Amino acid sequence: MPLVRIDLIRGRRTDELRAIADATHRALVDVLGIPERDRFQILTEHDADHVIALDAGLGFERGERLVMIQIFTQEGRTTEVKQRVFRTVAERLEPLGIGGEDVFVSIFENGPQDWSFGFGRAQYAEGLLPVPGR
């Protein structure tokens, strides 16, 4: 059950925003094997001068098509699986006109005790929901 935050530079059409969200979700369904309806995404647009994303010394420039994705998910994914997530997200965004240099992805892991789906309860920790991958 990932929670996905997608930050973008303002100016895309609504259908473009949805296509980016759909492509990101499809990558997670395909690589992590999450259910199709296990979808929690927040898209936030920012003015261009409110986003700073340099190349960390890798020698490339980012542009106005920049997409920064933060994936919050249950702990336990291997490095190989995370690398597949990174690759698959970039591959799914490329047909939308977003080059690899403009795809920034980070994965944050936590445990079942760190999630509440409502009513102030920790459903995984209380055994009301099965913990993914266990």
N, C-alpha and C. Protein backbone atom coordinates (compact mmCIF):
# COMPACT_ATOMS: atom_id res chain seq x y z
N MET A 1 0.83 -1.17 0.00
CA MET A 1 0.00 0.00 0.00
C MET A 1 0.88 1.23 0.00
N PRO A 2 1.34 1.62 -1.14
CA PRO A 2 2.14 2.83 -1.16
C PRO A 2 1.28 4.09 -1.10
N LEU A 3 1.82 5.09 -0.47
CA LEU A 3 1.30 6.45 -0.56
C LEU A 3 2.29 7.18 -1.46
N VAL A 4 1.79 7.79 -2.53
CA VAL A 4 2.67 8.40 -3.53
C VAL A 4 2.40 9.89 -3.61
N ARG A 5 3.45 10.66 -3.45
CA ARG A 5 3.39 12.12 -3.63
C ARG A 5 4.11 12.44 -4.93
N ILE A 6 3.42 13.17 -5.79
CA ILE A 6 4.00 13.54 -7.08
C ILE A 6 4.02 15.06 -7.14
N ASP A 7 5.22 15.62 -7.22
CA ASP A 7 5.39 17.07 -7.30
C ASP A 7 5.84 17.43 -8.70
N LEU A 8 5.19 18.46 -9.27
CA LEU A 8 5.45 18.86 -10.64
C LEU A 8 5.49 20.38 -10.73
N ILE A 9 6.07 20.86 -11.82
CA ILE A 9 6.05 22.29 -12.10
C ILE A 9 4.71 22.61 -12.74
N ARG A 10 4.09 23.67 -12.27
CA ARG A 10 2.76 24.08 -12.71
C ARG A 10 2.70 24.30 -14.22
N GLY A 11 1.55 23.98 -14.80
CA GLY A 11 1.33 24.28 -16.20
C GLY A 11 0.84 23.13 -17.05
N ARG A 12 0.70 21.97 -16.48
CA ARG A 12 0.20 20.83 -17.25
C ARG A 12 -1.32 20.82 -17.24
N ARG A 13 -1.88 20.26 -18.29
CA ARG A 13 -3.33 20.07 -18.38
C ARG A 13 -3.77 18.97 -17.42
N THR A 14 -5.04 18.96 -17.08
CA THR A 14 -5.59 17.95 -16.17
C THR A 14 -5.37 16.54 -16.70
N ASP A 15 -5.55 16.33 -18.00
CA ASP A 15 -5.35 14.99 -18.56
C ASP A 15 -3.89 14.57 -18.50
N GLU A 16 -2.95 15.52 -18.60
CA GLU A 16 -1.53 15.19 -18.46
C GLU A 16 -1.21 14.78 -17.02
N LEU A 17 -1.78 15.50 -16.06
CA LEU A 17 -1.57 15.15 -14.65
C LEU A 17 -2.08 13.74 -14.37
N ARG A 18 -3.26 13.44 -14.90
CA ARG A 18 -3.84 12.10 -14.69
C ARG A 18 -2.98 11.03 -15.35
N ALA A 19 -2.45 11.32 -16.54
CA ALA A 19 -1.59 10.35 -17.24
C ALA A 19 -0.32 10.07 -16.44
N ILE A 20 0.25 11.09 -15.82
CA ILE A 20 1.45 10.91 -14.99
C ILE A 20 1.10 10.06 -13.77
N ALA A 21 -0.02 10.36 -13.12
CA ALA A 21 -0.45 9.58 -11.96
C ALA A 21 -0.74 8.13 -12.37
N ASP A 22 -1.42 7.95 -13.50
CA ASP A 22 -1.74 6.59 -13.98
C ASP A 22 -0.47 5.81 -14.30
N ALA A 23 0.48 6.44 -14.99
CA ALA A 23 1.73 5.76 -15.35
C ALA A 23 2.51 5.35 -14.11
N THR A 24 2.54 6.22 -13.13
CA THR A 24 3.24 5.91 -11.88
C THR A 24 2.56 4.75 -11.17
N HIS A 25 1.26 4.78 -11.08
CA HIS A 25 0.52 3.70 -10.42
C HIS A 25 0.71 2.37 -11.16
N ARG A 26 0.62 2.42 -12.47
CA ARG A 26 0.81 1.20 -13.28
C ARG A 26 2.17 0.57 -13.00
N ALA A 27 3.21 1.39 -12.89
CA ALA A 27 4.55 0.87 -12.59
C ALA A 27 4.56 0.16 -11.24
N LEU A 28 3.90 0.73 -10.24
CA LEU A 28 3.88 0.12 -8.91
C LEU A 28 3.06 -1.17 -8.90
N VAL A 29 1.96 -1.18 -9.62
CA VAL A 29 1.16 -2.41 -9.73
C VAL A 29 1.99 -3.51 -10.38
N ASP A 30 2.67 -3.17 -11.47
CA ASP A 30 3.44 -4.17 -12.21
C ASP A 30 4.67 -4.66 -11.45
N VAL A 31 5.38 -3.77 -10.79
CA VAL A 31 6.63 -4.17 -10.13
C VAL A 31 6.39 -4.69 -8.71
N LEU A 32 5.56 -3.98 -7.94
CA LEU A 32 5.36 -4.37 -6.54
C LEU A 32 4.22 -5.36 -6.37
N GLY A 33 3.41 -5.53 -7.40
CA GLY A 33 2.30 -6.47 -7.31
C GLY A 33 1.18 -6.01 -6.40
N ILE A 34 1.04 -4.70 -6.22
CA ILE A 34 -0.04 -4.20 -5.37
C ILE A 34 -1.38 -4.30 -6.12
N PRO A 35 -2.49 -4.39 -5.40
CA PRO A 35 -3.79 -4.43 -6.06
C PRO A 35 -4.06 -3.13 -6.83
N GLU A 36 -4.82 -3.25 -7.90
CA GLU A 36 -5.15 -2.11 -8.76
C GLU A 36 -5.80 -0.97 -7.97
N ARG A 37 -6.68 -1.30 -7.04
CA ARG A 37 -7.40 -0.27 -6.28
C ARG A 37 -6.64 0.19 -5.04
N ASP A 38 -5.45 -0.30 -4.84
CA ASP A 38 -4.60 0.13 -3.74
C ASP A 38 -3.87 1.38 -4.19
N ARG A 39 -4.61 2.47 -4.29
CA ARG A 39 -4.08 3.68 -4.93
C ARG A 39 -4.32 4.89 -4.05
N PHE A 40 -3.21 5.47 -3.59
CA PHE A 40 -3.25 6.67 -2.76
C PHE A 40 -2.19 7.60 -3.31
N GLN A 41 -2.61 8.65 -4.01
CA GLN A 41 -1.68 9.57 -4.67
C GLN A 41 -2.07 11.01 -4.36
N ILE A 42 -1.06 11.84 -4.22
CA ILE A 42 -1.25 13.28 -4.04
C ILE A 42 -0.41 13.98 -5.08
N LEU A 43 -1.05 14.74 -5.95
CA LEU A 43 -0.34 15.52 -6.96
C LEU A 43 -0.32 16.98 -6.52
N THR A 44 0.86 17.57 -6.55
CA THR A 44 1.01 18.96 -6.15
C THR A 44 1.80 19.69 -7.22
N GLU A 45 1.24 20.80 -7.69
CA GLU A 45 1.92 21.62 -8.68
C GLU A 45 2.58 22.81 -7.98
N HIS A 46 3.74 23.18 -8.49
CA HIS A 46 4.52 24.28 -7.91
C HIS A 46 4.93 25.26 -9.01
N ASP A 47 5.07 26.52 -8.65
CA ASP A 47 5.66 27.48 -9.58
C ASP A 47 7.10 27.04 -9.85
N ALA A 48 7.58 27.29 -11.05
CA ALA A 48 8.93 26.84 -11.44
C ALA A 48 10.01 27.33 -10.49
N ASP A 49 9.86 28.54 -9.98
CA ASP A 49 10.90 29.06 -9.08
C ASP A 49 10.78 28.54 -7.65
N HIS A 50 9.81 27.64 -7.41
CA HIS A 50 9.65 27.01 -6.10
C HIS A 50 10.18 25.58 -6.07
N VAL A 51 10.81 25.15 -7.16
CA VAL A 51 11.38 23.81 -7.24
C VAL A 51 12.85 23.94 -7.63
N ILE A 52 13.69 23.37 -6.80
CA ILE A 52 15.13 23.34 -7.10
C ILE A 52 15.53 21.87 -7.14
N ALA A 53 16.00 21.43 -8.30
CA ALA A 53 16.39 20.02 -8.46
C ALA A 53 17.60 19.98 -9.37
N LEU A 54 18.76 20.05 -8.79
CA LEU A 54 20.00 20.01 -9.56
C LEU A 54 20.35 18.55 -9.87
N ASP A 55 21.46 18.33 -10.53
CA ASP A 55 21.81 16.98 -11.01
C ASP A 55 22.67 16.18 -10.04
N ALA A 56 22.96 16.71 -8.86
CA ALA A 56 23.78 16.02 -7.85
C ALA A 56 25.16 15.66 -8.39
N GLY A 57 25.63 16.40 -9.39
CA GLY A 57 26.96 16.16 -9.94
C GLY A 57 27.01 15.12 -11.04
N LEU A 58 25.88 14.72 -11.57
CA LEU A 58 25.85 13.67 -12.60
C LEU A 58 26.00 14.21 -14.02
N GLY A 59 25.98 15.54 -14.18
CA GLY A 59 26.27 16.13 -15.47
C GLY A 59 25.11 16.28 -16.43
N PHE A 60 23.90 16.41 -15.94
CA PHE A 60 22.78 16.65 -16.84
C PHE A 60 21.91 17.78 -16.28
N GLU A 61 21.08 18.34 -17.12
CA GLU A 61 20.19 19.43 -16.73
C GLU A 61 18.75 18.93 -16.66
N ARG A 62 18.04 19.41 -15.70
CA ARG A 62 16.61 19.11 -15.60
C ARG A 62 15.84 20.26 -16.25
N GLY A 63 14.62 19.98 -16.72
CA GLY A 63 13.84 20.99 -17.39
C GLY A 63 12.48 21.22 -16.75
N GLU A 64 11.62 21.85 -17.48
CA GLU A 64 10.28 22.21 -17.00
C GLU A 64 9.35 21.00 -16.89
N ARG A 65 9.76 19.86 -17.43
CA ARG A 65 8.93 18.65 -17.37
C ARG A 65 9.23 17.82 -16.11
N LEU A 66 10.03 18.35 -15.22
CA LEU A 66 10.45 17.65 -14.00
C LEU A 66 9.26 17.05 -13.24
N VAL A 67 9.43 15.80 -12.82
CA VAL A 67 8.47 15.10 -11.98
C VAL A 67 9.26 14.51 -10.81
N MET A 68 8.89 14.88 -9.59
CA MET A 68 9.54 14.35 -8.39
C MET A 68 8.53 13.47 -7.68
N ILE A 69 8.89 12.20 -7.48
CA ILE A 69 7.97 11.22 -6.92
C ILE A 69 8.53 10.66 -5.63
N GLN A 70 7.73 10.71 -4.58
CA GLN A 70 8.09 10.11 -3.30
C GLN A 70 7.12 8.96 -3.05
N ILE A 71 7.67 7.78 -2.81
CA ILE A 71 6.86 6.59 -2.59
C ILE A 71 7.07 6.14 -1.15
N PHE A 72 6.01 6.17 -0.36
CA PHE A 72 6.04 5.71 1.02
C PHE A 72 5.42 4.32 1.03
N THR A 73 6.16 3.32 1.51
CA THR A 73 5.67 1.94 1.42
C THR A 73 6.20 1.10 2.58
N GLN A 74 5.66 -0.10 2.69
CA GLN A 74 6.09 -1.03 3.73
C GLN A 74 7.55 -1.43 3.52
N GLU A 75 8.26 -1.60 4.60
CA GLU A 75 9.65 -2.02 4.54
C GLU A 75 9.77 -3.44 4.01
N GLY A 76 10.97 -3.73 3.48
CA GLY A 76 11.24 -5.10 3.08
C GLY A 76 11.51 -5.32 1.61
N ARG A 77 11.43 -4.27 0.79
CA ARG A 77 11.71 -4.45 -0.64
C ARG A 77 13.23 -4.50 -0.85
N THR A 78 13.68 -5.36 -1.73
CA THR A 78 15.11 -5.47 -2.00
C THR A 78 15.59 -4.30 -2.86
N THR A 79 16.89 -4.13 -2.89
CA THR A 79 17.50 -3.09 -3.74
C THR A 79 17.12 -3.34 -5.20
N GLU A 80 17.13 -4.59 -5.62
CA GLU A 80 16.79 -4.92 -7.01
C GLU A 80 15.36 -4.51 -7.34
N VAL A 81 14.44 -4.77 -6.44
CA VAL A 81 13.04 -4.39 -6.67
C VAL A 81 12.91 -2.87 -6.74
N LYS A 82 13.59 -2.17 -5.85
CA LYS A 82 13.54 -0.70 -5.88
C LYS A 82 14.11 -0.17 -7.19
N GLN A 83 15.19 -0.76 -7.66
CA GLN A 83 15.77 -0.34 -8.94
C GLN A 83 14.80 -0.59 -10.09
N ARG A 84 14.06 -1.70 -10.02
CA ARG A 84 13.04 -1.96 -11.04
C ARG A 84 11.92 -0.93 -10.98
N VAL A 85 11.55 -0.51 -9.78
CA VAL A 85 10.55 0.56 -9.64
C VAL A 85 11.06 1.82 -10.32
N PHE A 86 12.29 2.22 -10.02
CA PHE A 86 12.86 3.44 -10.62
C PHE A 86 12.83 3.36 -12.14
N ARG A 87 13.33 2.23 -12.69
CA ARG A 87 13.38 2.06 -14.15
C ARG A 87 11.99 2.07 -14.78
N THR A 88 11.07 1.34 -14.15
CA THR A 88 9.74 1.21 -14.72
C THR A 88 8.99 2.54 -14.69
N VAL A 89 9.12 3.29 -13.62
CA VAL A 89 8.49 4.61 -13.57
C VAL A 89 9.03 5.47 -14.70
N ALA A 90 10.35 5.52 -14.86
CA ALA A 90 10.95 6.34 -15.93
C ALA A 90 10.48 5.88 -17.30
N GLU A 91 10.42 4.57 -17.51
CA GLU A 91 9.95 4.03 -18.80
C GLU A 91 8.50 4.41 -19.07
N ARG A 92 7.66 4.40 -18.05
CA ARG A 92 6.25 4.72 -18.22
C ARG A 92 6.02 6.21 -18.45
N LEU A 93 6.92 7.05 -17.94
CA LEU A 93 6.76 8.50 -18.11
C LEU A 93 7.34 8.98 -19.44
N GLU A 94 8.27 8.24 -20.01
CA GLU A 94 8.92 8.66 -21.26
C GLU A 94 7.91 8.89 -22.41
N PRO A 95 6.93 8.01 -22.63
CA PRO A 95 5.97 8.26 -23.71
C PRO A 95 5.12 9.51 -23.49
N LEU A 96 5.12 10.03 -22.26
CA LEU A 96 4.38 11.25 -21.94
C LEU A 96 5.23 12.50 -22.16
N GLY A 97 6.41 12.31 -22.75
CA GLY A 97 7.29 13.45 -23.02
C GLY A 97 8.15 13.86 -21.85
N ILE A 98 8.34 12.97 -20.89
CA ILE A 98 9.15 13.25 -19.72
C ILE A 98 10.41 12.39 -19.82
N GLY A 99 11.52 13.05 -20.12
CA GLY A 99 12.79 12.34 -20.27
C GLY A 99 13.34 11.88 -18.93
N GLY A 100 14.23 10.92 -18.99
CA GLY A 100 14.83 10.35 -17.79
C GLY A 100 15.49 11.37 -16.88
N GLU A 101 16.05 12.43 -17.46
CA GLU A 101 16.69 13.46 -16.64
C GLU A 101 15.69 14.23 -15.79
N ASP A 102 14.41 14.15 -16.15
CA ASP A 102 13.37 14.87 -15.42
C ASP A 102 12.53 13.97 -14.51
N VAL A 103 13.03 12.75 -14.24
CA VAL A 103 12.32 11.83 -13.36
C VAL A 103 13.18 11.61 -12.11
N PHE A 104 12.69 12.09 -10.98
CA PHE A 104 13.36 11.96 -9.70
C PHE A 104 12.44 11.15 -8.80
N VAL A 105 12.92 9.99 -8.33
CA VAL A 105 12.08 9.09 -7.52
C VAL A 105 12.82 8.74 -6.24
N SER A 106 12.08 8.73 -5.14
CA SER A 106 12.64 8.32 -3.85
C SER A 106 11.64 7.39 -3.17
N ILE A 107 12.17 6.35 -2.54
CA ILE A 107 11.33 5.39 -1.82
C ILE A 107 11.64 5.50 -0.33
N PHE A 108 10.59 5.67 0.47
CA PHE A 108 10.70 5.72 1.93
C PHE A 108 9.98 4.50 2.48
N GLU A 109 10.66 3.72 3.30
CA GLU A 109 10.05 2.53 3.87
C GLU A 109 9.72 2.76 5.34
N ASN A 110 8.65 2.10 5.79
CA ASN A 110 8.29 2.13 7.19
C ASN A 110 7.57 0.82 7.52
N GLY A 111 7.07 0.69 8.74
CA GLY A 111 6.45 -0.55 9.17
C GLY A 111 4.95 -0.47 9.28
N PRO A 112 4.31 -1.60 9.56
CA PRO A 112 2.85 -1.65 9.64
C PRO A 112 2.28 -0.75 10.74
N GLN A 113 3.05 -0.49 11.76
CA GLN A 113 2.60 0.36 12.85
C GLN A 113 2.52 1.83 12.45
N ASP A 114 3.03 2.16 11.27
CA ASP A 114 3.11 3.56 10.82
C ASP A 114 1.95 3.99 9.93
N TRP A 115 0.92 3.15 9.79
CA TRP A 115 -0.19 3.45 8.88
C TRP A 115 -1.53 3.46 9.60
N SER A 116 -2.33 4.49 9.29
CA SER A 116 -3.73 4.52 9.71
C SER A 116 -4.56 4.88 8.49
N PHE A 117 -5.55 4.05 8.18
CA PHE A 117 -6.41 4.27 7.01
C PHE A 117 -7.69 5.00 7.38
N GLY A 118 -7.81 5.36 8.64
CA GLY A 118 -8.99 6.10 9.08
C GLY A 118 -9.40 5.73 10.48
N PHE A 119 -10.23 6.55 11.05
CA PHE A 119 -10.80 6.34 12.38
C PHE A 119 -9.76 6.31 13.49
N GLY A 120 -8.55 6.83 13.23
CA GLY A 120 -7.53 6.89 14.26
C GLY A 120 -7.01 5.53 14.70
N ARG A 121 -7.09 4.56 13.79
CA ARG A 121 -6.66 3.20 14.13
C ARG A 121 -5.52 2.77 13.22
N ALA A 122 -4.63 1.96 13.75
CA ALA A 122 -3.52 1.40 12.98
C ALA A 122 -3.95 0.01 12.50
N GLN A 123 -4.66 -0.03 11.36
CA GLN A 123 -5.31 -1.26 10.91
C GLN A 123 -4.35 -2.42 10.68
N TYR A 124 -3.16 -2.15 10.16
CA TYR A 124 -2.18 -3.23 10.00
C TYR A 124 -1.75 -3.77 11.36
N ALA A 125 -1.39 -2.88 12.26
CA ALA A 125 -0.89 -3.28 13.59
C ALA A 125 -1.97 -3.99 14.40
N GLU A 126 -3.23 -3.61 14.18
CA GLU A 126 -4.32 -4.23 14.92
C GLU A 126 -4.81 -5.53 14.27
N GLY A 127 -4.25 -5.88 13.12
CA GLY A 127 -4.64 -7.11 12.44
C GLY A 127 -5.92 -6.99 11.63
N LEU A 128 -6.41 -5.77 11.42
CA LEU A 128 -7.63 -5.56 10.63
C LEU A 128 -7.36 -5.66 9.13
N LEU A 129 -6.11 -5.46 8.73
CA LEU A 129 -5.68 -5.60 7.35
C LEU A 129 -4.45 -6.48 7.31
N PRO A 130 -4.32 -7.32 6.29
CA PRO A 130 -3.09 -8.12 6.18
C PRO A 130 -1.93 -7.21 5.78
N VAL A 131 -0.79 -7.43 6.38
CA VAL A 131 0.40 -6.65 6.06
C VAL A 131 0.94 -7.13 4.73
N PRO A 132 1.08 -6.22 3.75
CA PRO A 132 1.57 -6.62 2.42
C PRO A 132 2.92 -7.35 2.52
N GLY A 133 3.05 -8.40 1.76
CA GLY A 133 4.31 -9.13 1.69
C GLY A 133 4.56 -10.06 2.86
N ARG A 134 3.60 -10.20 3.75
CA ARG A 134 3.80 -11.08 4.91
C ARG A 134 2.76 -12.17 4.95
